[in-house]
Amino acid sequence: MLRYMRHGATRVFTKLINSAVANAQREGETNVDSLLVNRVYVDEGVTLRRFRFKAMGRVAPIRKRTSHITVELGFR
């Protein structure tokens, strides 16, 4: 389903789910066809704080935000 969606984050989630399936397959003797995505959630990560120079000697803060994505797989 993710392959045909036109959202920007679908590539990231596709790679993430493929990686989770590969990890589950490598960890034990699990059947890949019986895996389901139980839960996907995104938590706030570390915020990098930078400054951008503005007119008349002033500066403006820039917050470069990151996130942590977690995928939980289960069985049928």
C-alpha atoms as a PDB file:
ATOM      1  CA  MET A   1       0.000   0.000   0.000  1.00  0.00           C
ATOM      2  CA  LEU A   2       2.845   2.384   0.784  1.00  0.00           C
ATOM      3  CA  ARG A   3       4.335   1.915  -2.663  1.00  0.00           C
ATOM      4  CA  TYR A   4       1.398   3.633  -4.390  1.00  0.00           C
ATOM      5  CA  MET A   5       0.882   6.530  -1.965  1.00  0.00           C
ATOM      6  CA  ARG A   6       2.181   9.954  -2.971  1.00  0.00           C
ATOM      7  CA  HIS A   7       3.296  11.194   0.433  1.00  0.00           C
ATOM      8  CA  GLY A   8       6.874  12.230   1.081  1.00  0.00           C
ATOM      9  CA  ALA A   9       7.376   9.955   4.075  1.00  0.00           C
ATOM     10  CA  THR A  10       6.346   6.732   2.346  1.00  0.00           C
ATOM     11  CA  ARG A  11       9.917   5.949   1.259  1.00  0.00           C
ATOM     12  CA  VAL A  12      11.159   6.305   4.829  1.00  0.00           C
ATOM     13  CA  PHE A  13       8.399   4.092   6.242  1.00  0.00           C
ATOM     14  CA  THR A  14       8.879   1.484   3.504  1.00  0.00           C
ATOM     15  CA  LYS A  15      12.585   1.221   4.281  1.00  0.00           C
ATOM     16  CA  LEU A  16      11.824   1.108   8.013  1.00  0.00           C
ATOM     17  CA  ILE A  17       9.288  -1.706   7.692  1.00  0.00           C
ATOM     18  CA  ASN A  18      11.572  -3.680   5.347  1.00  0.00           C
ATOM     19  CA  SER A  19      14.385  -3.322   7.885  1.00  0.00           C
ATOM     20  CA  ALA A  20      12.123  -4.491  10.728  1.00  0.00           C
ATOM     21  CA  VAL A  21      11.054  -7.553   8.722  1.00  0.00           C
ATOM     22  CA  ALA A  22      14.687  -8.365   7.902  1.00  0.00           C
ATOM     23  CA  ASN A  23      15.639  -8.048  11.578  1.00  0.00           C
ATOM     24  CA  ALA A  24      12.770 -10.328  12.634  1.00  0.00           C
ATOM     25  CA  GLN A  25      13.778 -12.876  10.021  1.00  0.00           C
ATOM     26  CA  ARG A  26      17.417 -12.767  11.090  1.00  0.00           C
ATOM     27  CA  GLU A  27      16.706 -12.991  14.835  1.00  0.00           C
ATOM     28  CA  GLY A  28      14.671 -16.176  14.767  1.00  0.00           C
ATOM     29  CA  GLU A  29      12.954 -18.710  12.637  1.00  0.00           C
ATOM     30  CA  THR A  30       9.899 -16.603  11.868  1.00  0.00           C
ATOM     31  CA  ASN A  31       7.740 -16.836   8.797  1.00  0.00           C
ATOM     32  CA  VAL A  32       7.783 -13.461   7.036  1.00  0.00           C
ATOM     33  CA  ASP A  33       4.283 -14.029   5.637  1.00  0.00           C
ATOM     34  CA  SER A  34       2.778 -14.213   9.142  1.00  0.00           C
ATOM     35  CA  LEU A  35       4.158 -10.851  10.312  1.00  0.00           C
ATOM     36  CA  LEU A  36       1.866  -7.866  10.846  1.00  0.00           C
ATOM     37  CA  VAL A  37       2.615  -4.282  11.816  1.00  0.00           C
ATOM     38  CA  ASN A  38       1.148  -3.887  15.302  1.00  0.00           C
ATOM     39  CA  ARG A  39       2.132  -0.330  16.027  1.00  0.00           C
ATOM     40  CA  VAL A  40       4.139   2.501  14.493  1.00  0.00           C
ATOM     41  CA  TYR A  41       4.860   5.610  16.512  1.00  0.00           C
ATOM     42  CA  VAL A  42       7.094   8.644  16.214  1.00  0.00           C
ATOM     43  CA  ASP A  43       8.711  10.307  19.222  1.00  0.00           C
ATOM     44  CA  GLU A  44      10.502  13.609  19.424  1.00  0.00           C
ATOM     45  CA  GLY A  45      14.272  13.364  19.173  1.00  0.00           C
ATOM     46  CA  VAL A  46      17.137  15.694  19.966  1.00  0.00           C
ATOM     47  CA  THR A  47      16.776  19.338  18.911  1.00  0.00           C
ATOM     48  CA  LEU A  48      19.893  20.993  17.506  1.00  0.00           C
ATOM     49  CA  ARG A  49      20.013  24.685  18.325  1.00  0.00           C
ATOM     50  CA  ARG A  50      21.648  27.001  15.804  1.00  0.00           C
ATOM     51  CA  PHE A  51      21.586  30.749  15.108  1.00  0.00           C
ATOM     52  CA  ARG A  52      21.064  32.692  11.895  1.00  0.00           C
ATOM     53  CA  PHE A  53      22.377  36.204  11.529  1.00  0.00           C
ATOM     54  CA  LYS A  54      19.848  38.939  10.772  1.00  0.00           C
ATOM     55  CA  ALA A  55      19.980  42.619   9.946  1.00  0.00           C
ATOM     56  CA  MET A  56      21.513  45.232  12.262  1.00  0.00           C
ATOM     57  CA  GLY A  57      23.648  42.744  14.173  1.00  0.00           C
ATOM     58  CA  ARG A  58      20.784  40.629  15.473  1.00  0.00           C
ATOM     59  CA  VAL A  59      20.473  36.853  15.482  1.00  0.00           C
ATOM     60  CA  ALA A  60      17.458  34.571  15.220  1.00  0.00           C
ATOM     61  CA  PRO A  61      17.340  31.068  16.713  1.00  0.00           C
ATOM     62  CA  ILE A  62      16.914  28.036  14.470  1.00  0.00           C
ATOM     63  CA  ARG A  63      15.739  24.716  15.876  1.00  0.00           C
ATOM     64  CA  LYS A  64      16.649  21.685  13.773  1.00  0.00           C
ATOM     65  CA  ARG A  65      14.333  18.980  15.065  1.00  0.00           C
ATOM     66  CA  THR A  66      14.802  15.226  14.756  1.00  0.00           C
ATOM     67  CA  SER A  67      12.538  12.265  15.469  1.00  0.00           C
ATOM     68  CA  HIS A  68      12.691   8.612  16.511  1.00  0.00           C
ATOM     69  CA  ILE A  69      10.454   6.162  14.609  1.00  0.00           C
ATOM     70  CA  THR A  70       9.558   2.829  16.226  1.00  0.00           C
ATOM     71  CA  VAL A  71       7.880  -0.143  14.492  1.00  0.00           C
ATOM     72  CA  GLU A  72       6.452  -3.097  16.431  1.00  0.00           C
ATOM     73  CA  LEU A  73       5.742  -6.292  14.520  1.00  0.00           C
ATOM     74  CA  GLY A  74       3.476  -9.141  15.613  1.00  0.00           C
ATOM     75  CA  PHE A  75       2.139 -12.441  14.345  1.00  0.00           C
ATOM     76  CA  ARG A  76      -1.226 -13.421  12.940  1.00  0.00           C
END
